[in-house]
């Protein structure tokens, strides 16, 4: 779940790079919060409250990939 989102001012292939604070609720284990920075489509920018798909490293939950 997206808790907050902010534009970094950077662009990758004309798509904005955003920094998001995410609340991650895994199938097993406790929920946790993490920051992620990624390029998003300008026509599909996530909003606060949106549920998005991610992958994370279970051994190091600070390593997150937004899908």
N, C-alpha and C. Protein backbone atom coordinates (compact mmCIF):
# COMPACT_ATOMS: atom_id res chain seq x y z
N UNK A 1 0.85 -1.17 0.00
CA UNK A 1 0.00 0.00 0.00
C UNK A 1 0.90 1.23 0.00
N UNK A 2 0.57 2.20 -0.85
CA UNK A 2 1.34 3.43 -0.94
C UNK A 2 0.91 4.36 0.20
N UNK A 3 1.87 4.73 1.07
CA UNK A 3 1.59 5.63 2.18
C UNK A 3 1.84 7.08 1.80
N UNK A 4 2.90 7.31 0.99
CA UNK A 4 3.20 8.66 0.51
C UNK A 4 3.97 8.54 -0.79
N UNK A 5 3.92 9.60 -1.59
CA UNK A 5 4.61 9.62 -2.87
C UNK A 5 5.09 11.03 -3.13
N UNK A 6 6.32 11.15 -3.66
CA UNK A 6 6.89 12.46 -3.95
C UNK A 6 7.71 12.37 -5.23
N UNK A 7 7.61 13.41 -6.05
CA UNK A 7 8.38 13.48 -7.29
C UNK A 7 9.82 13.86 -6.96
N UNK A 8 10.78 13.18 -7.58
CA UNK A 8 12.18 13.51 -7.34
C UNK A 8 12.69 14.58 -8.30
N UNK A 9 11.93 14.84 -9.36
CA UNK A 9 12.35 15.81 -10.36
C UNK A 9 13.15 15.18 -11.50
N UNK A 10 13.51 13.91 -11.36
CA UNK A 10 14.26 13.21 -12.39
C UNK A 10 13.30 12.54 -13.37
N UNK A 11 13.80 12.31 -14.59
CA UNK A 11 13.04 11.62 -15.62
C UNK A 11 13.88 10.48 -16.18
N UNK A 12 13.23 9.38 -16.51
CA UNK A 12 13.86 8.27 -17.24
C UNK A 12 12.95 8.00 -18.42
N UNK A 13 13.46 8.19 -19.64
CA UNK A 13 12.66 8.03 -20.85
C UNK A 13 11.36 8.84 -20.78
N UNK A 14 11.46 10.06 -20.28
CA UNK A 14 10.32 10.99 -20.14
C UNK A 14 9.29 10.55 -19.11
N UNK A 15 9.60 9.53 -18.32
CA UNK A 15 8.73 9.10 -17.23
C UNK A 15 9.30 9.60 -15.91
N UNK A 16 8.44 10.12 -15.02
CA UNK A 16 8.94 10.67 -13.76
C UNK A 16 9.46 9.59 -12.81
N UNK A 17 10.49 9.96 -12.06
CA UNK A 17 11.01 9.10 -11.00
C UNK A 17 10.40 9.59 -9.70
N UNK A 18 9.79 8.69 -8.95
CA UNK A 18 9.13 9.05 -7.70
C UNK A 18 9.73 8.27 -6.53
N UNK A 19 9.60 8.86 -5.36
CA UNK A 19 10.00 8.19 -4.13
C UNK A 19 8.72 7.88 -3.37
N UNK A 20 8.54 6.61 -3.00
CA UNK A 20 7.33 6.18 -2.32
C UNK A 20 7.65 5.56 -0.98
N UNK A 21 6.80 5.81 -0.02
CA UNK A 21 6.83 5.12 1.27
C UNK A 21 5.75 4.06 1.20
N UNK A 22 6.13 2.80 1.40
CA UNK A 22 5.20 1.68 1.23
C UNK A 22 5.00 0.93 2.54
N UNK A 23 3.78 0.47 2.75
CA UNK A 23 3.47 -0.44 3.84
C UNK A 23 3.33 -1.82 3.20
N UNK A 24 4.24 -2.71 3.51
CA UNK A 24 4.28 -4.04 2.90
C UNK A 24 3.68 -5.05 3.87
N UNK A 25 2.70 -5.81 3.37
CA UNK A 25 2.05 -6.84 4.17
C UNK A 25 2.32 -8.19 3.51
N UNK A 26 3.37 -8.89 3.94
CA UNK A 26 3.68 -10.19 3.33
C UNK A 26 2.69 -11.27 3.76
N UNK A 27 2.65 -12.36 2.99
CA UNK A 27 1.76 -13.47 3.34
C UNK A 27 2.17 -14.08 4.68
N UNK A 28 3.46 -14.13 4.94
CA UNK A 28 3.97 -14.69 6.18
C UNK A 28 4.88 -13.66 6.84
N UNK A 29 4.73 -13.49 8.12
CA UNK A 29 5.57 -12.55 8.85
C UNK A 29 4.86 -11.22 9.06
N UNK A 30 5.49 -10.36 9.84
CA UNK A 30 4.88 -9.07 10.18
C UNK A 30 4.97 -8.06 9.02
N UNK A 31 4.05 -7.12 9.01
CA UNK A 31 4.09 -6.03 8.03
C UNK A 31 5.26 -5.10 8.36
N UNK A 32 5.75 -4.39 7.33
CA UNK A 32 6.84 -3.45 7.54
C UNK A 32 6.71 -2.31 6.54
N UNK A 33 7.40 -1.21 6.83
CA UNK A 33 7.40 -0.06 5.93
C UNK A 33 8.77 0.09 5.30
N UNK A 34 8.77 0.56 4.05
CA UNK A 34 10.02 0.69 3.31
C UNK A 34 9.89 1.85 2.31
N UNK A 35 11.02 2.48 1.98
CA UNK A 35 11.05 3.52 0.95
C UNK A 35 11.55 2.91 -0.34
N UNK A 36 10.93 3.30 -1.46
CA UNK A 36 11.33 2.81 -2.78
C UNK A 36 11.36 3.97 -3.75
N UNK A 37 12.33 3.98 -4.64
CA UNK A 37 12.44 5.00 -5.68
C UNK A 37 12.39 4.29 -7.02
N UNK A 38 11.48 4.72 -7.89
CA UNK A 38 11.29 4.04 -9.17
C UNK A 38 10.70 4.98 -10.20
N UNK A 39 10.91 4.65 -11.47
CA UNK A 39 10.26 5.39 -12.56
C UNK A 39 8.86 4.83 -12.74
N UNK A 40 7.90 5.72 -12.99
CA UNK A 40 6.52 5.31 -13.21
C UNK A 40 6.00 5.95 -14.49
N UNK A 41 5.02 5.33 -15.10
CA UNK A 41 4.40 5.88 -16.29
C UNK A 41 3.65 7.15 -15.92
N UNK A 42 3.77 8.21 -16.75
CA UNK A 42 3.06 9.44 -16.41
C UNK A 42 1.56 9.30 -16.49
N UNK A 43 1.07 8.28 -17.16
CA UNK A 43 -0.38 8.08 -17.23
C UNK A 43 -0.88 7.11 -16.15
N UNK A 44 0.02 6.54 -15.36
CA UNK A 44 -0.39 5.60 -14.31
C UNK A 44 0.42 5.82 -13.03
N UNK A 45 0.50 7.06 -12.57
CA UNK A 45 1.25 7.37 -11.35
C UNK A 45 0.43 6.87 -10.15
N UNK A 46 1.06 6.08 -9.29
CA UNK A 46 0.34 5.59 -8.11
C UNK A 46 -0.09 6.75 -7.20
N UNK A 47 -1.17 6.53 -6.46
CA UNK A 47 -1.66 7.53 -5.51
C UNK A 47 -1.64 6.93 -4.11
N UNK A 48 -1.68 7.79 -3.11
CA UNK A 48 -1.73 7.33 -1.73
C UNK A 48 -2.95 6.44 -1.56
N UNK A 49 -2.74 5.28 -0.94
CA UNK A 49 -3.81 4.31 -0.73
C UNK A 49 -3.85 3.21 -1.76
N UNK A 50 -3.18 3.41 -2.91
CA UNK A 50 -3.15 2.37 -3.95
C UNK A 50 -2.38 1.15 -3.46
N UNK A 51 -2.83 -0.01 -3.89
CA UNK A 51 -2.11 -1.27 -3.64
C UNK A 51 -1.29 -1.55 -4.90
N UNK A 52 0.01 -1.76 -4.73
CA UNK A 52 0.88 -2.05 -5.87
C UNK A 52 1.62 -3.35 -5.62
N UNK A 53 2.09 -3.97 -6.69
CA UNK A 53 2.84 -5.22 -6.58
C UNK A 53 4.32 -4.91 -6.45
N UNK A 54 4.95 -5.61 -5.53
CA UNK A 54 6.39 -5.45 -5.33
C UNK A 54 7.00 -6.83 -5.11
N UNK A 55 8.31 -6.88 -5.18
CA UNK A 55 9.09 -8.04 -4.75
C UNK A 55 10.12 -7.48 -3.78
N UNK A 56 10.46 -8.26 -2.77
CA UNK A 56 11.47 -7.81 -1.81
C UNK A 56 12.35 -8.98 -1.40
N UNK A 57 13.51 -8.64 -0.91
CA UNK A 57 14.46 -9.62 -0.42
C UNK A 57 14.10 -9.94 1.03
N UNK A 58 13.70 -11.16 1.30
CA UNK A 58 13.28 -11.55 2.65
C UNK A 58 14.42 -11.43 3.66
N UNK A 59 15.65 -11.58 3.19
CA UNK A 59 16.81 -11.46 4.08
C UNK A 59 17.15 -10.01 4.38
N UNK A 60 16.76 -9.09 3.48
CA UNK A 60 17.03 -7.66 3.67
C UNK A 60 15.83 -6.90 3.11
N UNK A 61 14.84 -6.62 3.95
CA UNK A 61 13.58 -6.04 3.48
C UNK A 61 13.72 -4.61 2.97
N UNK A 62 14.89 -4.00 3.08
CA UNK A 62 15.09 -2.67 2.51
C UNK A 62 15.30 -2.76 1.00
N UNK A 63 15.53 -3.95 0.48
CA UNK A 63 15.70 -4.15 -0.97
C UNK A 63 14.35 -4.50 -1.57
N UNK A 64 13.76 -3.51 -2.28
CA UNK A 64 12.41 -3.65 -2.82
C UNK A 64 12.43 -3.32 -4.30
N UNK A 65 11.66 -4.07 -5.08
CA UNK A 65 11.51 -3.83 -6.52
C UNK A 65 10.04 -3.65 -6.81
N UNK A 66 9.67 -2.49 -7.36
CA UNK A 66 8.29 -2.22 -7.73
C UNK A 66 8.06 -2.85 -9.10
N UNK A 67 7.02 -3.67 -9.22
CA UNK A 67 6.72 -4.37 -10.46
C UNK A 67 5.71 -3.58 -11.27
